[in-house]
C-alpha atoms as a PDB file:
ATOM      1  CA  UNK A   1      21.081  -4.206   5.967  1.00  0.00           C
ATOM      2  CA  UNK A   2      20.869  -1.721   3.327  1.00  0.00           C
ATOM      3  CA  UNK A   3      17.400   0.060   3.190  1.00  0.00           C
ATOM      4  CA  UNK A   4      15.978   1.367   0.556  1.00  0.00           C
ATOM      5  CA  UNK A   5      13.298   3.934   0.183  1.00  0.00           C
ATOM      6  CA  UNK A   6      11.587   6.819  -1.637  1.00  0.00           C
ATOM      7  CA  UNK A   7      13.404   8.934   0.170  1.00  0.00           C
ATOM      8  CA  UNK A   8      16.017   7.718   1.560  1.00  0.00           C
ATOM      9  CA  UNK A   9      19.190   5.980   0.393  1.00  0.00           C
ATOM     10  CA  UNK A  10      21.368   4.103   2.024  1.00  0.00           C
ATOM     11  CA  UNK A  11      25.616   4.147   0.858  1.00  0.00           C
ATOM     12  CA  UNK A  12      28.288   2.482   2.395  1.00  0.00           C
ATOM     13  CA  UNK A  13      30.835   3.668   2.522  1.00  0.00           C
ATOM     14  CA  UNK A  14      34.000   3.151   4.722  1.00  0.00           C
ATOM     15  CA  UNK A  15      32.103  -0.165   6.361  1.00  0.00           C
ATOM     16  CA  UNK A  16      30.083   2.256   7.626  1.00  0.00           C
ATOM     17  CA  UNK A  17      26.494   3.515   6.385  1.00  0.00           C
ATOM     18  CA  UNK A  18      25.624   6.827   5.595  1.00  0.00           C
ATOM     19  CA  UNK A  19      22.552   8.059   4.885  1.00  0.00           C
ATOM     20  CA  UNK A  20      21.253  10.104   2.202  1.00  0.00           C
ATOM     21  CA  UNK A  21      18.214  11.631   2.234  1.00  0.00           C
ATOM     22  CA  UNK A  22      16.591  13.513  -1.011  1.00  0.00           C
ATOM     23  CA  UNK A  23      13.482  15.435  -1.275  1.00  0.00           C
ATOM     24  CA  UNK A  24      10.427  13.294  -2.309  1.00  0.00           C
ATOM     25  CA  UNK A  25       9.439  16.571  -5.045  1.00  0.00           C
ATOM     26  CA  UNK A  26      12.694  15.455  -6.893  1.00  0.00           C
ATOM     27  CA  UNK A  27      11.513  12.318  -7.536  1.00  0.00           C
ATOM     28  CA  UNK A  28       8.665  13.697  -8.562  1.00  0.00           C
ATOM     29  CA  UNK A  29      10.291  16.206 -11.193  1.00  0.00           C
ATOM     30  CA  UNK A  30      12.732  12.842 -12.609  1.00  0.00           C
ATOM     31  CA  UNK A  31       9.437  11.087 -12.533  1.00  0.00           C
ATOM     32  CA  UNK A  32       7.860  13.738 -15.158  1.00  0.00           C
ATOM     33  CA  UNK A  33      11.135  13.856 -16.320  1.00  0.00           C
ATOM     34  CA  UNK A  34      10.974  10.460 -17.206  1.00  0.00           C
ATOM     35  CA  UNK A  35       7.049  10.360 -18.062  1.00  0.00           C
ATOM     36  CA  UNK A  36       7.601  13.031 -20.944  1.00  0.00           C
ATOM     37  CA  UNK A  37      10.852  11.578 -22.581  1.00  0.00           C
ATOM     38  CA  UNK A  38       8.946   9.068 -23.303  1.00  0.00           C
ATOM     39  CA  UNK A  39       5.909   9.977 -24.205  1.00  0.00           C
ATOM     40  CA  UNK A  40       7.774  11.676 -26.606  1.00  0.00           C
ATOM     41  CA  UNK A  41       9.937   9.532 -28.043  1.00  0.00           C
ATOM     42  CA  UNK A  42       6.746   7.158 -28.538  1.00  0.00           C
ATOM     43  CA  UNK A  43       4.981  10.333 -30.353  1.00  0.00           C
ATOM     44  CA  UNK A  44       8.167  10.576 -32.715  1.00  0.00           C
ATOM     45  CA  UNK A  45       7.771   6.972 -32.776  1.00  0.00           C
ATOM     46  CA  UNK A  46       4.394   6.524 -34.558  1.00  0.00           C
ATOM     47  CA  UNK A  47       5.500   9.992 -36.545  1.00  0.00           C
ATOM     48  CA  UNK A  48       7.872   7.849 -38.080  1.00  0.00           C
ATOM     49  CA  UNK A  49       5.903   4.280 -38.715  1.00  0.00           C
ATOM     50  CA  UNK A  50       2.887   6.574 -40.552  1.00  0.00           C
ATOM     51  CA  UNK A  51       5.703   8.087 -42.676  1.00  0.00           C
ATOM     52  CA  UNK A  52       7.000   4.672 -43.251  1.00  0.00           C
ATOM     53  CA  UNK A  53       3.426   3.414 -43.790  1.00  0.00           C
ATOM     54  CA  UNK A  54       2.341   5.827 -46.608  1.00  0.00           C
ATOM     55  CA  UNK A  55       5.396   5.382 -48.781  1.00  0.00           C
ATOM     56  CA  UNK A  56       4.496   1.580 -48.802  1.00  0.00           C
ATOM     57  CA  UNK A  57       0.956   1.843 -49.681  1.00  0.00           C
ATOM     58  CA  UNK A  58       1.878   4.429 -52.170  1.00  0.00           C
ATOM     59  CA  UNK A  59       4.620   1.873 -53.498  1.00  0.00           C
ATOM     60  CA  UNK A  60       2.043  -0.921 -53.508  1.00  0.00           C
ATOM     61  CA  UNK A  61      -0.131   1.600 -54.828  1.00  0.00           C
ATOM     62  CA  UNK A  62       2.400   2.571 -58.202  1.00  0.00           C
ATOM     63  CA  UNK A  63       2.448  -1.601 -58.850  1.00  0.00           C
END
């Protein structure tokens, strides 16, 4: 039976279980990097949508 924890990761190799230990610090760093990437993507999308709205308003104002 394989178990998954935040600290321990189990993998099957040649029919035997091999225990791989990883640090919690690594997981925290990875989570921070992922959340930073997500925030950056959302901010870029927000800026793009604002620019598109400004162009649409200019076109509507001309008509």
